[in-house]
Each structure stands twice: as structure tokens, then as C-alpha cells.
């Protein structure tokens, strides 16, 4: 699926042509440099590798310096491989936010905010038993029974329990493009996008599979 690497800038709001208030997420999309082109003949499948965000040379390994030099670009922090580009690209080509000018909807993949170890109320939305009777007094946020004793004598896989929350790859589908600003390489999408401000995102076009 064709797309670009970007960065989450923050959120804002605009009014559309009908005067409706629209909450938007501001993303910096590109410019991205093509650092590698994979084909069926050489790699067994078709894909291109995109790079984004400048990186200092002394913080880059010699192997990666050679990789970037081969494609005629400076070191980059983020590398992502994408499949399905219709147009033929070659190493060194630059793809900007104008690539999405003919699209209406976009998919965004990002890493959600990490919230650490959380209980079942915050992690899974359990209601608890704050208004319970029957003598219950100090277990309002506990999960309750997690399995039977005699059978199956174990906790079944997938049981909703406390644990690590967030910090996972999340993909939001079909976010509507509100506005594209080529001068600043920014794009406004209706709704929210996972991750914190400054985190990397992968913006893909579902219309051009």
C-alpha cells in the first residue's frame, strides 16, 4: 500500500464549508527519500524503502552510512518499507505530501501511548462494584473470578486481566483528509491519531492499493 512516513504535530480544529466544527490531527508528512527499491527479480517481491527525518552522521553506523550514500541522501532516523507503489521510483527520489493530493481517505499506523501496568478498570473498562451490597467493601477495582477450580483447573488464554497497557502498533482506517498544506509538508486529518506529539507515523493511501 503506497504511503509516506510522517510525524504527529498535534491537534487543532477547523470549520468546514457548512460551518461544522471539525476536530483534526496535524501530521507532518515527508518529504521522504527513496533509499532502496526491491523487485521480484532481486528480492522476490516489489517494494520500496522510504527514509525520513535527518540524523547526524556521527550517530549513524558505517553500514547505514554506506546504505544512504548509495542512494545519494543524508542519514535518516526512520526507515519504512512499503509495498504496492504503482509509480516506478528509483533510489534518491523525493516524495512529498503532494503525493496525497488526489486522495480522500488515509490510513495511519502509529505506536499508541504507553500507560505502564494498569488494572482491569483502566485497561479493559471494567465497571467495578462500587455500589455493590452483599458485604463487599474493598475490592471494587478487582477483576473477580478468573476461572473455575475443578475444570479446567487453569486460566484460559485471552482472559482479560491487569497488565501492560498501550505502547502497541495501532492502525486507524479511513481518516478523511481535511486539508493539505504543501508549503509546510503538513496534512490535516479528521479525528484522532494514536501516539504522542513528535512520534513517527506511517500514512498510507487505501484508495491506491
N, C-alpha and C. Protein backbone atom coordinates (compact mmCIF):
# COMPACT_ATOMS: atom_id res chain seq x y z
N UNK A 1 0.84 -1.19 0.00
CA UNK A 1 0.00 0.00 0.00
C UNK A 1 0.88 1.25 0.00
N UNK A 2 0.73 2.16 -0.93
CA UNK A 2 1.61 3.33 -1.03
C UNK A 2 1.37 4.31 0.11
N UNK A 3 2.42 5.02 0.50
CA UNK A 3 2.27 5.98 1.58
C UNK A 3 3.53 6.77 1.85
N UNK A 4 3.56 7.43 3.01
CA UNK A 4 4.68 8.26 3.42
C UNK A 4 4.93 8.07 4.91
N UNK A 5 6.14 8.42 5.34
CA UNK A 5 6.47 8.47 6.76
C UNK A 5 6.25 9.90 7.23
N UNK A 6 5.74 10.04 8.43
CA UNK A 6 5.50 11.38 8.95
C UNK A 6 5.69 11.45 10.44
N UNK A 7 5.23 12.55 11.01
CA UNK A 7 5.37 12.78 12.44
C UNK A 7 4.11 13.50 12.94
N UNK A 8 3.65 13.11 14.11
CA UNK A 8 2.48 13.75 14.69
C UNK A 8 2.86 15.10 15.28
N UNK A 9 2.18 16.14 14.81
CA UNK A 9 2.47 17.51 15.26
C UNK A 9 1.57 17.89 16.43
N UNK A 10 0.31 17.52 16.36
CA UNK A 10 -0.64 17.87 17.41
C UNK A 10 -2.06 17.85 16.88
N UNK A 11 -2.97 18.50 17.61
CA UNK A 11 -4.36 18.56 17.18
C UNK A 11 -4.83 20.00 17.09
N UNK A 12 -5.80 20.22 16.23
CA UNK A 12 -6.41 21.53 16.06
C UNK A 12 -7.86 21.32 15.65
N UNK A 13 -8.51 22.38 15.26
CA UNK A 13 -9.89 22.27 14.79
C UNK A 13 -10.15 23.32 13.72
N UNK A 14 -11.03 22.99 12.79
CA UNK A 14 -11.39 23.91 11.72
C UNK A 14 -12.91 23.85 11.53
N UNK A 15 -13.42 24.82 10.79
CA UNK A 15 -14.83 24.82 10.40
C UNK A 15 -14.91 24.54 8.91
N UNK A 16 -15.75 23.58 8.54
CA UNK A 16 -15.87 23.25 7.12
C UNK A 16 -16.77 24.25 6.41
N UNK A 17 -17.04 23.98 5.12
CA UNK A 17 -17.82 24.91 4.30
C UNK A 17 -19.25 25.09 4.81
N UNK A 18 -19.72 24.14 5.62
CA UNK A 18 -21.08 24.24 6.17
C UNK A 18 -21.09 24.82 7.58
N UNK A 19 -19.93 25.23 8.06
CA UNK A 19 -19.84 25.80 9.39
C UNK A 19 -19.80 24.78 10.50
N UNK A 20 -19.53 23.52 10.15
CA UNK A 20 -19.47 22.46 11.16
C UNK A 20 -18.07 22.40 11.76
N UNK A 21 -18.02 22.30 13.07
CA UNK A 21 -16.76 22.22 13.80
C UNK A 21 -16.14 20.83 13.59
N UNK A 22 -14.90 20.79 13.11
CA UNK A 22 -14.24 19.52 12.79
C UNK A 22 -12.92 19.42 13.56
N UNK A 23 -12.79 18.49 14.52
CA UNK A 23 -11.51 18.27 15.19
C UNK A 23 -10.54 17.55 14.25
N UNK A 24 -9.30 18.00 14.21
CA UNK A 24 -8.32 17.46 13.25
C UNK A 24 -6.99 17.17 13.94
N UNK A 25 -6.30 16.20 13.37
CA UNK A 25 -4.92 15.91 13.78
C UNK A 25 -3.98 16.45 12.71
N UNK A 26 -2.95 17.16 13.13
CA UNK A 26 -1.97 17.72 12.21
C UNK A 26 -0.78 16.78 12.12
N UNK A 27 -0.46 16.35 10.90
CA UNK A 27 0.67 15.46 10.67
C UNK A 27 1.66 16.11 9.72
N UNK A 28 2.93 15.92 10.02
CA UNK A 28 3.98 16.32 9.07
C UNK A 28 4.28 15.09 8.21
N UNK A 29 3.98 15.18 6.92
CA UNK A 29 4.13 14.03 6.01
C UNK A 29 5.28 14.28 5.06
N UNK A 30 6.40 13.61 5.31
CA UNK A 30 7.55 13.76 4.44
C UNK A 30 8.25 15.09 4.65
N UNK A 31 9.12 15.47 3.70
CA UNK A 31 9.47 14.70 2.49
C UNK A 31 10.28 13.44 2.81
N UNK A 32 10.00 12.39 2.07
CA UNK A 32 10.68 11.12 2.24
C UNK A 32 11.57 10.82 1.04
N UNK A 33 12.69 10.20 1.30
CA UNK A 33 13.64 9.84 0.25
C UNK A 33 13.62 8.34 0.02
N UNK A 34 13.56 7.93 -1.21
CA UNK A 34 13.61 6.51 -1.56
C UNK A 34 15.06 6.03 -1.41
N UNK A 35 15.31 5.11 -0.49
CA UNK A 35 16.66 4.62 -0.25
C UNK A 35 16.92 3.23 -0.82
N UNK A 36 15.85 2.53 -1.19
CA UNK A 36 16.04 1.20 -1.78
C UNK A 36 14.78 0.80 -2.55
N UNK A 37 14.98 0.14 -3.66
CA UNK A 37 13.87 -0.38 -4.47
C UNK A 37 14.05 -1.89 -4.58
N UNK A 38 13.04 -2.64 -4.14
CA UNK A 38 13.10 -4.10 -4.20
C UNK A 38 12.19 -4.60 -5.32
N UNK A 39 12.66 -5.57 -6.06
CA UNK A 39 11.89 -6.13 -7.16
C UNK A 39 11.78 -7.64 -7.01
N UNK A 40 10.92 -8.22 -7.81
CA UNK A 40 10.74 -9.68 -7.79
C UNK A 40 12.02 -10.38 -8.20
N UNK A 41 12.74 -9.82 -9.14
CA UNK A 41 13.98 -10.45 -9.64
C UNK A 41 15.06 -10.50 -8.58
N UNK A 42 15.20 -9.42 -7.79
CA UNK A 42 16.30 -9.34 -6.83
C UNK A 42 15.93 -9.79 -5.42
N UNK A 43 14.67 -9.54 -5.02
CA UNK A 43 14.27 -9.81 -3.64
C UNK A 43 13.06 -10.73 -3.51
N UNK A 44 12.42 -11.04 -4.61
CA UNK A 44 11.26 -11.92 -4.56
C UNK A 44 9.93 -11.21 -4.42
N UNK A 45 9.95 -9.89 -4.26
CA UNK A 45 8.70 -9.12 -4.16
C UNK A 45 9.01 -7.65 -4.50
N UNK A 46 7.96 -6.91 -4.78
CA UNK A 46 8.11 -5.50 -5.13
C UNK A 46 7.83 -4.61 -3.92
N UNK A 47 8.74 -3.70 -3.63
CA UNK A 47 8.56 -2.76 -2.52
C UNK A 47 9.61 -1.66 -2.63
N UNK A 48 9.35 -0.56 -1.93
CA UNK A 48 10.36 0.49 -1.84
C UNK A 48 10.59 0.82 -0.37
N UNK A 49 11.80 1.24 -0.07
CA UNK A 49 12.16 1.64 1.29
C UNK A 49 12.24 3.16 1.34
N UNK A 50 11.49 3.75 2.27
CA UNK A 50 11.48 5.19 2.43
C UNK A 50 12.25 5.58 3.69
N UNK A 51 12.90 6.74 3.65
CA UNK A 51 13.61 7.26 4.81
C UNK A 51 13.12 8.66 5.13
N UNK A 52 13.17 9.00 6.42
CA UNK A 52 12.60 10.29 6.85
C UNK A 52 13.31 10.78 8.10
N UNK A 53 13.41 12.10 8.22
CA UNK A 53 13.94 12.78 9.40
C UNK A 53 15.47 12.70 9.48
N UNK A 54 16.12 13.84 9.40
CA UNK A 54 17.57 13.91 9.36
C UNK A 54 18.22 13.36 10.63
N UNK A 55 19.38 12.73 10.45
CA UNK A 55 20.14 12.15 11.55
C UNK A 55 21.60 12.54 11.41
N UNK A 56 22.27 12.78 12.52
CA UNK A 56 23.68 13.17 12.49
C UNK A 56 24.55 11.99 12.06
N UNK A 57 25.59 12.29 11.30
CA UNK A 57 26.45 11.23 10.77
C UNK A 57 27.18 10.48 11.88
N UNK A 58 27.64 11.18 12.91
CA UNK A 58 28.41 10.50 13.95
C UNK A 58 27.54 9.57 14.81
N UNK A 59 26.22 9.65 14.64
CA UNK A 59 25.32 8.75 15.35
C UNK A 59 24.81 7.63 14.44
N UNK A 60 25.38 7.54 13.25
CA UNK A 60 24.96 6.53 12.28
C UNK A 60 26.08 5.52 12.07
N UNK A 61 25.75 4.24 11.99
CA UNK A 61 26.76 3.21 11.78
C UNK A 61 27.35 3.32 10.37
N UNK A 62 28.53 2.75 10.19
CA UNK A 62 29.19 2.81 8.88
C UNK A 62 28.38 2.06 7.83
N UNK A 63 27.75 0.97 8.23
CA UNK A 63 26.95 0.21 7.28
C UNK A 63 25.78 1.05 6.76
N UNK A 64 25.10 1.76 7.68
CA UNK A 64 23.98 2.59 7.27
C UNK A 64 24.45 3.82 6.50
N UNK A 65 25.63 4.35 6.84
CA UNK A 65 26.17 5.49 6.07
C UNK A 65 26.38 5.08 4.61
N UNK A 66 26.90 3.87 4.42
CA UNK A 66 27.08 3.37 3.06
C UNK A 66 25.75 3.16 2.35
N UNK A 67 24.76 2.71 3.10
CA UNK A 67 23.43 2.48 2.53
C UNK A 67 22.83 3.80 2.05
N UNK A 68 22.92 4.85 2.87
CA UNK A 68 22.37 6.15 2.48
C UNK A 68 23.19 6.79 1.36
N UNK A 69 24.51 6.61 1.40
CA UNK A 69 25.36 7.18 0.35
C UNK A 69 25.05 6.55 -1.01
N UNK A 70 24.71 5.28 -0.99
CA UNK A 70 24.39 4.58 -2.23
C UNK A 70 23.15 5.16 -2.91
N UNK A 71 22.22 5.66 -2.11
CA UNK A 71 21.01 6.26 -2.67
C UNK A 71 21.13 7.77 -2.82
N UNK A 72 22.31 8.32 -2.48
CA UNK A 72 22.54 9.74 -2.69
C UNK A 72 21.82 10.66 -1.73
N UNK A 73 21.67 10.24 -0.48
CA UNK A 73 20.99 11.08 0.50
C UNK A 73 21.76 11.08 1.82
N UNK A 74 21.37 11.98 2.71
CA UNK A 74 21.99 12.07 4.02
C UNK A 74 21.36 11.04 4.96
N UNK A 75 22.01 10.74 6.10
CA UNK A 75 21.46 9.76 7.04
C UNK A 75 20.09 10.18 7.56
N UNK A 76 19.23 9.20 7.75
CA UNK A 76 17.88 9.45 8.23
C UNK A 76 17.61 8.59 9.47
N UNK A 77 16.66 9.05 10.30
CA UNK A 77 16.35 8.35 11.54
C UNK A 77 15.37 7.19 11.33
N UNK A 78 14.40 7.38 10.45
CA UNK A 78 13.31 6.42 10.32
C UNK A 78 13.30 5.79 8.93
N UNK A 79 13.28 4.45 8.89
CA UNK A 79 13.20 3.71 7.63
C UNK A 79 11.97 2.81 7.66
N UNK A 80 11.20 2.84 6.58
CA UNK A 80 9.99 2.02 6.48
C UNK A 80 9.90 1.45 5.07
N UNK A 81 9.55 0.17 5.00
CA UNK A 81 9.37 -0.49 3.70
C UNK A 81 7.88 -0.59 3.39
N UNK A 82 7.50 -0.16 2.20
CA UNK A 82 6.10 -0.16 1.78
C UNK A 82 5.96 -0.88 0.45
N UNK A 83 4.87 -1.63 0.34
CA UNK A 83 4.60 -2.35 -0.90
C UNK A 83 3.46 -1.67 -1.66
N UNK A 84 3.37 -1.95 -2.95
CA UNK A 84 2.21 -1.55 -3.71
C UNK A 84 2.29 -0.22 -4.42
N UNK A 85 3.46 0.40 -4.50
CA UNK A 85 3.55 1.66 -5.23
C UNK A 85 3.34 1.40 -6.72
N UNK A 86 2.39 2.14 -7.30
CA UNK A 86 2.09 1.96 -8.72
C UNK A 86 3.16 2.63 -9.57
N UNK A 87 3.52 3.85 -9.21
CA UNK A 87 4.54 4.58 -9.98
C UNK A 87 5.91 3.98 -9.73
N UNK A 88 6.74 4.00 -10.77
CA UNK A 88 8.09 3.47 -10.63
C UNK A 88 9.00 4.53 -10.01
N UNK A 89 9.64 4.18 -8.92
CA UNK A 89 10.58 5.08 -8.26
C UNK A 89 11.98 4.50 -8.32
N UNK A 90 12.96 5.36 -8.15
CA UNK A 90 14.35 4.92 -8.11
C UNK A 90 15.02 5.54 -6.89
N UNK A 91 16.11 4.94 -6.39
CA UNK A 91 16.79 5.48 -5.20
C UNK A 91 17.20 6.93 -5.39
N UNK A 92 16.94 7.72 -4.36
CA UNK A 92 17.25 9.15 -4.42
C UNK A 92 16.05 10.02 -4.71
N UNK A 93 14.95 9.44 -5.19
CA UNK A 93 13.74 10.23 -5.46
C UNK A 93 13.13 10.72 -4.15
N UNK A 94 12.55 11.91 -4.20
CA UNK A 94 11.92 12.52 -3.02
C UNK A 94 10.41 12.53 -3.22
N UNK A 95 9.68 12.03 -2.22
CA UNK A 95 8.22 12.01 -2.26
C UNK A 95 7.70 12.97 -1.20
N UNK A 96 6.85 13.90 -1.59
CA UNK A 96 6.33 14.91 -0.69
C UNK A 96 4.85 14.65 -0.38
N UNK A 97 4.26 15.53 0.42
CA UNK A 97 2.87 15.39 0.83
C UNK A 97 1.91 15.55 -0.36
N UNK A 98 2.38 16.14 -1.44
CA UNK A 98 1.54 16.30 -2.62
C UNK A 98 1.18 14.95 -3.25
N UNK A 99 1.85 13.91 -2.82
CA UNK A 99 1.52 12.56 -3.30
C UNK A 99 0.07 12.20 -2.97
N UNK A 100 -0.48 12.82 -1.90
CA UNK A 100 -1.85 12.51 -1.47
C UNK A 100 -2.89 13.49 -2.00
N UNK A 101 -2.52 14.34 -2.93
CA UNK A 101 -3.43 15.41 -3.35
C UNK A 101 -4.70 14.88 -4.03
N UNK A 102 -4.66 13.67 -4.58
CA UNK A 102 -5.83 13.11 -5.24
C UNK A 102 -6.60 12.13 -4.36
N UNK A 103 -6.19 12.01 -3.11
CA UNK A 103 -6.84 11.06 -2.19
C UNK A 103 -7.88 11.77 -1.33
N UNK A 104 -8.82 10.98 -0.80
CA UNK A 104 -9.85 11.50 0.10
C UNK A 104 -9.69 10.90 1.50
N UNK A 105 -9.31 9.63 1.55
CA UNK A 105 -9.16 8.91 2.82
C UNK A 105 -7.74 8.41 2.97
N UNK A 106 -7.26 8.34 4.22
CA UNK A 106 -5.93 7.83 4.50
C UNK A 106 -5.98 6.92 5.73
N UNK A 107 -5.07 5.94 5.75
CA UNK A 107 -4.89 5.07 6.91
C UNK A 107 -3.60 5.48 7.62
N UNK A 108 -3.63 5.50 8.94
CA UNK A 108 -2.45 5.93 9.71
C UNK A 108 -2.07 4.85 10.70
N UNK A 109 -0.80 4.46 10.68
CA UNK A 109 -0.27 3.48 11.62
C UNK A 109 0.72 4.17 12.56
N UNK A 110 0.54 3.99 13.86
CA UNK A 110 1.40 4.63 14.84
C UNK A 110 1.47 3.77 16.09
N UNK A 111 2.37 4.14 16.99
CA UNK A 111 2.50 3.46 18.28
C UNK A 111 1.74 4.23 19.34
N UNK A 112 0.80 3.57 19.99
CA UNK A 112 -0.03 4.23 20.98
C UNK A 112 0.79 4.61 22.22
N UNK A 113 0.26 5.53 22.99
CA UNK A 113 0.94 5.97 24.20
C UNK A 113 1.04 4.82 25.21
N UNK A 114 2.21 4.65 25.78
CA UNK A 114 2.39 3.63 26.81
C UNK A 114 1.86 4.12 28.15
N UNK A 115 1.08 3.29 28.83
CA UNK A 115 0.49 3.68 30.11
C UNK A 115 0.96 2.80 31.26
N UNK A 116 1.96 1.94 30.99
CA UNK A 116 2.50 1.12 32.06
C UNK A 116 1.57 -0.02 32.47
N UNK A 117 1.80 -0.55 33.66
CA UNK A 117 0.99 -1.65 34.19
C UNK A 117 -0.30 -1.08 34.76
N UNK A 118 -1.45 -1.50 34.21
CA UNK A 118 -2.74 -0.97 34.65
C UNK A 118 -3.67 -2.10 35.03
N UNK A 119 -4.64 -1.77 35.86
CA UNK A 119 -5.64 -2.74 36.30
C UNK A 119 -6.74 -2.92 35.26
N UNK A 120 -7.69 -3.79 35.57
CA UNK A 120 -8.72 -4.13 34.59
C UNK A 120 -9.68 -2.98 34.35
N UNK A 121 -9.87 -2.08 35.30
CA UNK A 121 -10.79 -0.96 35.11
C UNK A 121 -10.26 -0.02 34.03
N UNK A 122 -9.00 0.33 34.11
CA UNK A 122 -8.42 1.23 33.12
C UNK A 122 -8.07 0.50 31.83
N UNK A 123 -7.62 -0.74 31.95
CA UNK A 123 -7.14 -1.46 30.77
C UNK A 123 -8.29 -1.99 29.91
N UNK A 124 -9.35 -2.50 30.54
CA UNK A 124 -10.43 -3.13 29.79
C UNK A 124 -11.79 -2.47 30.01
N UNK A 125 -11.86 -1.46 30.85
CA UNK A 125 -13.12 -0.77 31.04
C UNK A 125 -14.09 -1.46 31.97
N UNK A 126 -13.58 -2.29 32.87
CA UNK A 126 -14.47 -2.93 33.84
C UNK A 126 -15.14 -1.84 34.70
N UNK A 127 -16.40 -2.07 35.08
CA UNK A 127 -17.13 -1.07 35.85
C UNK A 127 -16.80 -1.11 37.33
N UNK A 128 -16.41 -2.25 37.85
CA UNK A 128 -16.21 -2.37 39.28
C UNK A 128 -17.55 -2.56 39.98
N UNK A 129 -17.51 -2.62 41.29
CA UNK A 129 -18.74 -2.85 42.06
C UNK A 129 -18.83 -1.83 43.19
N UNK A 130 -18.73 -0.56 42.86
CA UNK A 130 -18.75 0.48 43.88
C UNK A 130 -20.09 0.55 44.62
N UNK A 131 -21.17 0.20 43.95
CA UNK A 131 -22.49 0.27 44.56
C UNK A 131 -22.99 -1.10 45.00
N UNK A 132 -22.09 -2.05 45.09
CA UNK A 132 -22.50 -3.41 45.42
C UNK A 132 -22.87 -3.54 46.90
N UNK A 133 -23.76 -4.50 47.16
CA UNK A 133 -24.10 -4.82 48.55
C UNK A 133 -23.49 -6.17 48.88
N UNK A 134 -24.17 -7.01 49.59
CA UNK A 134 -23.72 -8.36 49.92
C UNK A 134 -22.38 -8.35 50.66
N UNK A 135 -22.11 -7.31 51.40
CA UNK A 135 -20.92 -7.30 52.23
C UNK A 135 -19.63 -6.92 51.52
N UNK A 136 -19.67 -6.59 50.23
CA UNK A 136 -18.45 -6.22 49.50
C UNK A 136 -18.01 -4.83 49.95
N UNK A 137 -16.73 -4.68 50.30
CA UNK A 137 -16.33 -3.38 50.84
C UNK A 137 -14.98 -2.88 50.34
N UNK A 138 -14.08 -3.71 49.83
CA UNK A 138 -12.75 -3.19 49.50
C UNK A 138 -12.14 -3.86 48.26
N UNK A 139 -12.99 -4.31 47.33
CA UNK A 139 -12.46 -4.96 46.13
C UNK A 139 -13.14 -4.39 44.88
N UNK A 140 -13.42 -3.11 44.88
CA UNK A 140 -14.23 -2.52 43.82
C UNK A 140 -13.52 -2.51 42.47
N UNK A 141 -12.20 -2.50 42.47
CA UNK A 141 -11.47 -2.43 41.20
C UNK A 141 -10.78 -3.74 40.85
N UNK A 142 -11.13 -4.82 41.53
CA UNK A 142 -10.52 -6.11 41.24
C UNK A 142 -11.29 -6.83 40.13
N UNK A 143 -10.65 -7.75 39.44
CA UNK A 143 -11.29 -8.41 38.30
C UNK A 143 -12.36 -9.43 38.67
N UNK A 144 -12.33 -9.96 39.88
CA UNK A 144 -13.28 -11.01 40.25
C UNK A 144 -12.74 -12.38 39.83
N UNK A 145 -13.63 -13.32 39.64
CA UNK A 145 -13.23 -14.68 39.31
C UNK A 145 -12.59 -14.74 37.93
N UNK A 146 -11.50 -15.48 37.80
CA UNK A 146 -10.83 -15.63 36.50
C UNK A 146 -10.87 -17.07 36.00
N UNK A 147 -11.60 -17.94 36.67
CA UNK A 147 -11.71 -19.31 36.19
C UNK A 147 -12.23 -20.24 37.27
N UNK A 148 -12.66 -21.42 36.84
CA UNK A 148 -13.16 -22.41 37.77
C UNK A 148 -12.01 -23.23 38.37
N UNK A 149 -12.31 -23.94 39.44
CA UNK A 149 -11.28 -24.71 40.12
C UNK A 149 -11.16 -26.14 39.58
N UNK A 150 -12.27 -26.87 39.56
CA UNK A 150 -12.20 -28.28 39.17
C UNK A 150 -11.99 -28.46 37.68
N UNK A 151 -12.63 -27.62 36.89
CA UNK A 151 -12.46 -27.70 35.44
C UNK A 151 -12.56 -26.29 34.84
N UNK A 152 -11.59 -25.88 34.03
CA UNK A 152 -10.47 -26.66 33.51
C UNK A 152 -9.22 -26.61 34.36
N UNK A 153 -9.33 -26.09 35.56
CA UNK A 153 -8.19 -26.03 36.50
C UNK A 153 -7.03 -25.19 35.98
N UNK A 154 -7.34 -24.21 35.19
CA UNK A 154 -6.32 -23.29 34.67
C UNK A 154 -7.04 -22.03 34.19
N UNK A 155 -6.25 -21.00 33.98
CA UNK A 155 -6.79 -19.75 33.45
C UNK A 155 -6.74 -19.82 31.93
N UNK A 156 -7.88 -19.63 31.28
CA UNK A 156 -7.94 -19.71 29.82
C UNK A 156 -7.18 -18.57 29.17
N UNK A 157 -6.59 -18.86 28.02
CA UNK A 157 -5.88 -17.83 27.27
C UNK A 157 -6.85 -16.73 26.83
N UNK A 158 -6.36 -15.49 26.87
CA UNK A 158 -7.20 -14.37 26.46
C UNK A 158 -8.02 -13.77 27.58
N UNK A 159 -7.91 -14.31 28.78
CA UNK A 159 -8.65 -13.77 29.92
C UNK A 159 -8.22 -12.32 30.16
N UNK A 160 -9.21 -11.44 30.27
CA UNK A 160 -8.91 -10.03 30.48
C UNK A 160 -8.46 -9.79 31.91
N UNK A 161 -7.20 -9.42 32.03
CA UNK A 161 -6.59 -9.21 33.34
C UNK A 161 -5.74 -7.95 33.31
N UNK A 162 -5.16 -7.62 34.45
CA UNK A 162 -4.27 -6.46 34.52
C UNK A 162 -2.99 -6.74 33.75
N UNK A 163 -2.34 -5.69 33.28
CA UNK A 163 -1.08 -5.87 32.55
C UNK A 163 -0.64 -4.61 31.83
N UNK A 164 0.38 -4.75 31.01
CA UNK A 164 0.92 -3.64 30.24
C UNK A 164 -0.16 -3.04 29.34
N UNK A 165 -0.28 -1.74 29.38
CA UNK A 165 -1.31 -1.04 28.60
C UNK A 165 -0.65 -0.05 27.65
N UNK A 166 -1.12 -0.03 26.41
CA UNK A 166 -0.58 0.89 25.42
C UNK A 166 0.75 0.42 24.86
N UNK A 167 1.46 1.35 24.19
CA UNK A 167 2.76 1.07 23.58
C UNK A 167 2.65 -0.06 22.57
N UNK A 168 1.57 -0.05 21.77
CA UNK A 168 1.36 -1.06 20.75
C UNK A 168 1.12 -0.39 19.40
N UNK A 169 1.41 -1.12 18.34
CA UNK A 169 1.15 -0.60 17.00
C UNK A 169 -0.35 -0.62 16.72
N UNK A 170 -0.88 0.56 16.38
CA UNK A 170 -2.31 0.72 16.13
C UNK A 170 -2.49 1.33 14.75
N UNK A 171 -3.45 0.81 14.00
CA UNK A 171 -3.74 1.33 12.67
C UNK A 171 -5.17 1.85 12.64
N UNK A 172 -5.32 3.14 12.32
CA UNK A 172 -6.63 3.77 12.21
C UNK A 172 -6.98 3.88 10.73
N UNK A 173 -8.14 3.33 10.35
CA UNK A 173 -8.53 3.27 8.95
C UNK A 173 -9.45 4.43 8.57
N UNK A 174 -9.33 4.85 7.32
CA UNK A 174 -10.27 5.78 6.69
C UNK A 174 -10.44 7.09 7.46
N UNK A 175 -9.34 7.81 7.63
CA UNK A 175 -9.40 9.16 8.17
C UNK A 175 -9.52 10.13 7.00
N UNK A 176 -10.48 11.01 7.07
CA UNK A 176 -10.75 11.92 5.95
C UNK A 176 -9.75 13.07 5.92
N UNK A 177 -9.25 13.37 4.71
CA UNK A 177 -8.35 14.50 4.53
C UNK A 177 -9.14 15.80 4.59
N UNK A 178 -8.77 16.68 5.52
CA UNK A 178 -9.41 17.98 5.65
C UNK A 178 -8.68 19.02 4.82
N UNK A 179 -7.35 19.00 4.90
CA UNK A 179 -6.56 19.99 4.16
C UNK A 179 -5.13 19.51 4.00
N UNK A 180 -4.53 19.83 2.87
CA UNK A 180 -3.12 19.54 2.62
C UNK A 180 -2.40 20.87 2.41
N UNK A 181 -1.29 21.06 3.14
CA UNK A 181 -0.52 22.30 3.03
C UNK A 181 0.88 21.95 2.53
N UNK A 182 1.11 22.01 1.20
CA UNK A 182 2.41 21.60 0.64
C UNK A 182 3.57 22.45 1.12
N UNK A 183 3.33 23.73 1.42
CA UNK A 183 4.42 24.63 1.80
C UNK A 183 5.12 24.18 3.09
N UNK A 184 4.36 23.58 4.00
CA UNK A 184 4.94 23.13 5.27
C UNK A 184 4.94 21.61 5.41
N UNK A 185 4.62 20.90 4.33
CA UNK A 185 4.59 19.44 4.34
C UNK A 185 3.66 18.89 5.43
N UNK A 186 2.55 19.57 5.64
CA UNK A 186 1.61 19.14 6.66
C UNK A 186 0.27 18.74 6.04
N UNK A 187 -0.44 17.90 6.78
CA UNK A 187 -1.73 17.41 6.33
C UNK A 187 -2.66 17.34 7.54
N UNK A 188 -3.89 17.76 7.37
CA UNK A 188 -4.89 17.73 8.43
C UNK A 188 -5.86 16.59 8.17
N UNK A 189 -6.00 15.71 9.15
CA UNK A 189 -6.91 14.58 9.05
C UNK A 189 -8.00 14.70 10.10
N UNK A 190 -9.22 14.37 9.72
CA UNK A 190 -10.34 14.45 10.64
C UNK A 190 -10.23 13.34 11.69
N UNK A 191 -10.34 13.73 12.95
CA UNK A 191 -10.29 12.75 14.02
C UNK A 191 -8.93 12.66 14.69
N UNK A 192 -8.75 11.62 15.49
CA UNK A 192 -7.53 11.45 16.27
C UNK A 192 -6.63 10.39 15.68
N UNK A 193 -5.35 10.49 16.02
CA UNK A 193 -4.32 9.55 15.58
C UNK A 193 -3.57 9.06 16.81
N UNK A 194 -3.25 7.77 16.90
CA UNK A 194 -2.55 7.25 18.08
C UNK A 194 -1.17 7.88 18.25
N UNK A 195 -0.65 7.82 19.46
CA UNK A 195 0.71 8.26 19.72
C UNK A 195 0.79 9.64 20.34
N UNK A 196 1.98 9.95 20.84
CA UNK A 196 2.23 11.25 21.45
C UNK A 196 2.75 12.23 20.40
N UNK A 197 2.79 13.49 20.76
CA UNK A 197 3.29 14.53 19.85
C UNK A 197 4.77 14.28 19.56
N UNK A 198 5.13 14.31 18.29
CA UNK A 198 6.51 14.07 17.89
C UNK A 198 6.81 12.63 17.54
N UNK A 199 5.85 11.73 17.72
CA UNK A 199 6.06 10.32 17.39
C UNK A 199 5.90 10.08 15.89
N UNK A 200 6.55 9.05 15.39
CA UNK A 200 6.51 8.73 13.97
C UNK A 200 5.20 8.03 13.61
N UNK A 201 4.72 8.32 12.41
CA UNK A 201 3.52 7.66 11.89
C UNK A 201 3.79 7.25 10.45
N UNK A 202 3.06 6.24 10.00
CA UNK A 202 3.10 5.82 8.60
C UNK A 202 1.73 6.10 8.00
N UNK A 203 1.71 6.97 7.00
CA UNK A 203 0.46 7.39 6.38
C UNK A 203 0.32 6.66 5.04
N UNK A 204 -0.77 5.92 4.88
CA UNK A 204 -0.96 5.11 3.68
C UNK A 204 -2.25 5.49 2.97
N UNK A 205 -2.27 5.27 1.67
CA UNK A 205 -3.43 5.58 0.85
C UNK A 205 -4.18 4.31 0.51
N UNK A 206 -5.39 4.09 1.11
CA UNK A 206 -6.15 2.88 0.80
C UNK A 206 -6.81 2.93 -0.58
N UNK A 207 -6.87 4.12 -1.18
CA UNK A 207 -7.52 4.26 -2.48
C UNK A 207 -6.67 3.74 -3.63
N UNK A 208 -5.36 3.54 -3.36
CA UNK A 208 -4.47 3.12 -4.45
C UNK A 208 -3.76 1.84 -4.05
N UNK A 209 -4.52 0.80 -3.83
CA UNK A 209 -3.95 -0.50 -3.46
C UNK A 209 -3.32 -1.15 -4.68
